């Protein structure tokens, strides 16, 4: 899975390209949260919605997958959402 915005010029070569329209933010985050690859966490972090922060916080709390937990903290630390900052501040206290 590769990610790109609508205004990005993409040359997929022989790879199939599918644009998904009409997907709700909640559905997108739910789908991406079920995946375990780094691109999915990146895609979640691109969502400008509190649900994305909630999903990343949930992953950061889940110690069953240390790599995913680390990536979730990485994206939370770069988030502009005040909820992400509050979560990290609570962890540091």
Protein backbone atom coordinates (compact mmCIF):
# COMPACT_ATOMS: atom_id res chain seq x y z
CA UNK A 1 0.00 0.00 0.00
CA UNK A 2 1.39 3.38 -1.02
CA UNK A 3 -0.11 6.68 0.02
CA UNK A 4 -0.60 9.89 -1.92
CA UNK A 5 -2.85 12.91 -1.81
CA UNK A 6 -5.26 13.81 -4.61
CA UNK A 7 -2.96 16.53 -5.94
CA UNK A 8 0.09 14.24 -6.12
CA UNK A 9 1.26 13.28 -9.61
CA UNK A 10 1.51 9.49 -9.56
CA UNK A 11 3.14 7.24 -12.12
CA UNK A 12 2.20 3.71 -11.05
CA UNK A 13 3.93 1.97 -13.96
CA UNK A 14 2.38 -1.47 -14.28
CA UNK A 15 0.88 -1.37 -10.79
CA UNK A 16 -2.89 -0.96 -10.45
CA UNK A 17 -4.04 2.36 -9.06
CA UNK A 18 -7.33 2.77 -7.24
CA UNK A 19 -8.67 6.07 -5.92
CA UNK A 20 -11.07 5.62 -3.03
CA UNK A 21 -13.74 8.31 -2.77
CA UNK A 22 -16.55 8.69 -0.29
CA UNK A 23 -14.75 6.93 2.58
CA UNK A 24 -15.58 8.37 5.98
CA UNK A 25 -12.78 9.34 8.33
CA UNK A 26 -13.99 6.81 10.90
CA UNK A 27 -14.00 4.01 8.31
CA UNK A 28 -10.58 4.97 7.05
CA UNK A 29 -9.07 4.99 10.54
CA UNK A 30 -10.76 1.70 11.43
CA UNK A 31 -9.40 0.04 8.27
CA UNK A 32 -5.89 1.42 8.76
CA UNK A 33 -5.86 0.51 12.47
CA UNK A 34 -6.51 -3.12 11.60
CA UNK A 35 -3.33 -3.23 9.51
CA UNK A 36 0.12 -3.60 11.04
CA UNK A 37 2.38 -1.97 8.46
CA UNK A 38 4.23 1.32 8.96
CA UNK A 39 2.41 2.97 6.04
CA UNK A 40 -0.91 2.49 7.83
CA UNK A 41 0.28 4.33 10.93
CA UNK A 42 1.64 7.08 8.70
CA UNK A 43 -1.73 7.31 6.96
CA UNK A 44 -3.55 7.52 10.31
CA UNK A 45 -1.25 10.36 11.35
CA UNK A 46 -2.21 12.26 8.17
CA UNK A 47 -5.86 12.38 9.26
CA UNK A 48 -6.73 15.76 10.70
CA UNK A 49 -9.30 14.36 13.09
CA UNK A 50 -9.42 13.57 16.83
CA UNK A 51 -10.29 9.95 15.97
CA UNK A 52 -6.82 9.56 14.48
CA UNK A 53 -5.22 10.71 17.72
CA UNK A 54 -7.46 8.33 19.67
CA UNK A 55 -6.36 5.45 17.43
CA UNK A 56 -2.67 6.30 17.84
CA UNK A 57 -3.06 6.62 21.62
CA UNK A 58 -4.73 3.22 21.71
CA UNK A 59 -1.81 1.73 19.77
CA UNK A 60 0.70 3.49 22.02
CA UNK A 61 -0.95 1.89 25.06
CA UNK A 62 -0.86 -1.60 23.52
CA UNK A 63 2.38 -3.23 24.61
CA UNK A 64 1.67 -6.49 22.75
CA UNK A 65 3.36 -5.10 19.61
CA UNK A 66 6.43 -3.09 20.60
CA UNK A 67 7.25 -1.93 17.06
CA UNK A 68 3.75 -0.62 16.46
CA UNK A 69 3.69 0.97 19.92
CA UNK A 70 6.97 2.78 19.16
CA UNK A 71 5.65 4.04 15.79
CA UNK A 72 2.44 5.26 17.43
CA UNK A 73 4.47 7.27 19.96
CA UNK A 74 6.57 8.63 17.09
CA UNK A 75 3.50 9.98 15.27
CA UNK A 76 1.86 11.23 18.47
CA UNK A 77 4.99 13.23 19.26
CA UNK A 78 4.63 14.97 15.90
CA UNK A 79 0.92 15.59 16.20
CA UNK A 80 -0.50 19.08 16.63
CA UNK A 81 -3.53 17.67 18.44
CA UNK A 82 -3.55 18.86 22.09
CA UNK A 83 -4.84 15.41 23.12
CA UNK A 84 -1.60 13.85 21.86
CA UNK A 85 0.44 16.31 23.91
CA UNK A 86 -1.65 15.65 27.03
CA UNK A 87 -1.21 11.88 26.59
CA UNK A 88 2.56 12.18 26.28
CA UNK A 89 2.74 14.56 29.25
CA UNK A 90 0.84 12.02 31.40
CA UNK A 91 3.29 9.29 30.37
CA UNK A 92 6.28 11.45 31.29
CA UNK A 93 5.02 12.28 34.79
